Amino acid sequence: MVTFIKTSKVNKQDIAFAKNMIPHHEAALSMASKQIVYGEDPDMVALAKRIYAAQKSEIELLKKFLKDNDEKPSSGMSGMM
């Protein structure tokens, strides 16, 4: 598991990356959820489950990074470039 340490080396790009990745990963959760529920190919459903777990975990890491650096996550896909 990756852990972040609050340092003075965090810059605007680091914050923007974290904020933009959250809605990107949330979109992946939505797509993976649909595949898990409606997909029929067992390999694709298994892949969707792995993607869901990985993206969910990464969202939590990104949110923690932002919180640790006194920032709030972006909401929705509006923060995407």
Protein backbone atom coordinates (compact mmCIF):
# COMPACT_ATOMS: atom_id res chain seq x y z
CA MET A 1 0.00 0.00 0.00
CA VAL A 2 1.18 3.48 -0.86
CA THR A 3 1.25 6.06 1.92
CA PHE A 4 1.78 9.77 1.50
CA ILE A 5 3.76 11.94 3.85
CA LYS A 6 2.91 15.63 4.06
CA THR A 7 5.91 17.58 2.85
CA SER A 8 6.63 21.09 1.72
CA LYS A 9 7.39 19.64 -1.74
CA VAL A 10 3.69 19.38 -2.67
CA ASN A 11 2.86 21.82 -5.45
CA LYS A 12 -0.18 22.92 -7.47
CA GLN A 13 0.35 20.15 -10.02
CA ASP A 14 0.30 17.48 -7.29
CA ILE A 15 -2.98 18.87 -5.96
CA ALA A 16 -4.52 19.24 -9.44
CA PHE A 17 -3.53 15.67 -10.33
CA ALA A 18 -5.16 14.26 -7.21
CA LYS A 19 -8.31 16.37 -7.68
CA ASN A 20 -8.67 15.37 -11.33
CA MET A 21 -7.99 11.69 -10.77
CA ILE A 22 -10.84 11.29 -8.27
CA PRO A 23 -13.68 11.92 -10.75
CA HIS A 24 -11.78 9.90 -13.37
CA HIS A 25 -11.64 6.94 -10.99
CA GLU A 26 -15.28 7.47 -9.97
CA ALA A 27 -16.24 7.08 -13.64
CA ALA A 28 -14.29 3.82 -13.72
CA LEU A 29 -16.22 2.63 -10.64
CA SER A 30 -19.49 3.34 -12.43
CA MET A 31 -18.43 1.44 -15.55
CA ALA A 32 -17.04 -1.48 -13.57
CA SER A 33 -20.21 -1.69 -11.48
CA LYS A 34 -22.34 -1.98 -14.60
CA GLN A 35 -20.10 -4.72 -15.96
CA ILE A 36 -20.26 -6.62 -12.66
CA VAL A 37 -24.07 -6.49 -12.62
CA TYR A 38 -24.89 -6.90 -16.31
CA GLY A 39 -21.82 -8.50 -17.91
CA GLU A 40 -21.97 -12.11 -18.98
CA ASP A 41 -18.36 -12.92 -19.88
CA PRO A 42 -16.76 -14.29 -16.68
CA ASP A 43 -13.32 -12.94 -17.57
CA MET A 44 -14.67 -9.44 -18.13
CA VAL A 45 -16.69 -9.56 -14.90
CA ALA A 46 -13.58 -10.70 -13.02
CA LEU A 47 -11.58 -7.86 -14.59
CA ALA A 48 -14.29 -5.37 -13.64
CA LYS A 49 -14.15 -6.59 -10.03
CA ARG A 50 -10.37 -6.11 -9.94
CA ILE A 51 -10.68 -2.66 -11.49
CA TYR A 52 -13.40 -1.70 -9.01
CA ALA A 53 -11.28 -2.73 -6.02
CA ALA A 54 -8.16 -0.98 -7.31
CA GLN A 55 -9.91 2.27 -8.24
CA LYS A 56 -11.81 2.40 -4.94
CA SER A 57 -8.56 2.02 -3.03
CA GLU A 58 -6.84 4.68 -5.13
CA ILE A 59 -9.71 7.13 -4.56
CA GLU A 60 -9.22 6.74 -0.82
CA LEU A 61 -5.47 7.38 -1.20
CA LEU A 62 -6.10 10.49 -3.29
CA LYS A 63 -8.65 11.82 -0.80
CA LYS A 64 -6.24 11.22 2.07
CA PHE A 65 -3.46 13.00 0.18
CA LEU A 66 -5.73 16.00 -0.35
CA LYS A 67 -6.93 16.02 3.26
CA ASP A 68 -3.36 15.75 4.56
CA ASN A 69 -2.50 18.78 2.43
CA ASP A 70 -5.50 20.84 3.54
CA GLU A 71 -7.33 20.49 0.23
CA LYS A 72 -10.81 19.25 -0.67
CA PRO A 73 -11.51 16.80 -3.51
CA SER A 74 -13.20 18.07 -6.66
CA SER A 75 -16.78 16.97 -7.12
CA GLY A 76 -17.97 15.37 -10.33
CA MET A 77 -16.20 15.31 -13.67
CA SER A 78 -16.10 19.12 -13.95
CA GLY A 79 -12.55 19.13 -12.64
CA MET A 80 -11.30 17.02 -15.53
CA MET A 81 -8.96 18.61 -18.07
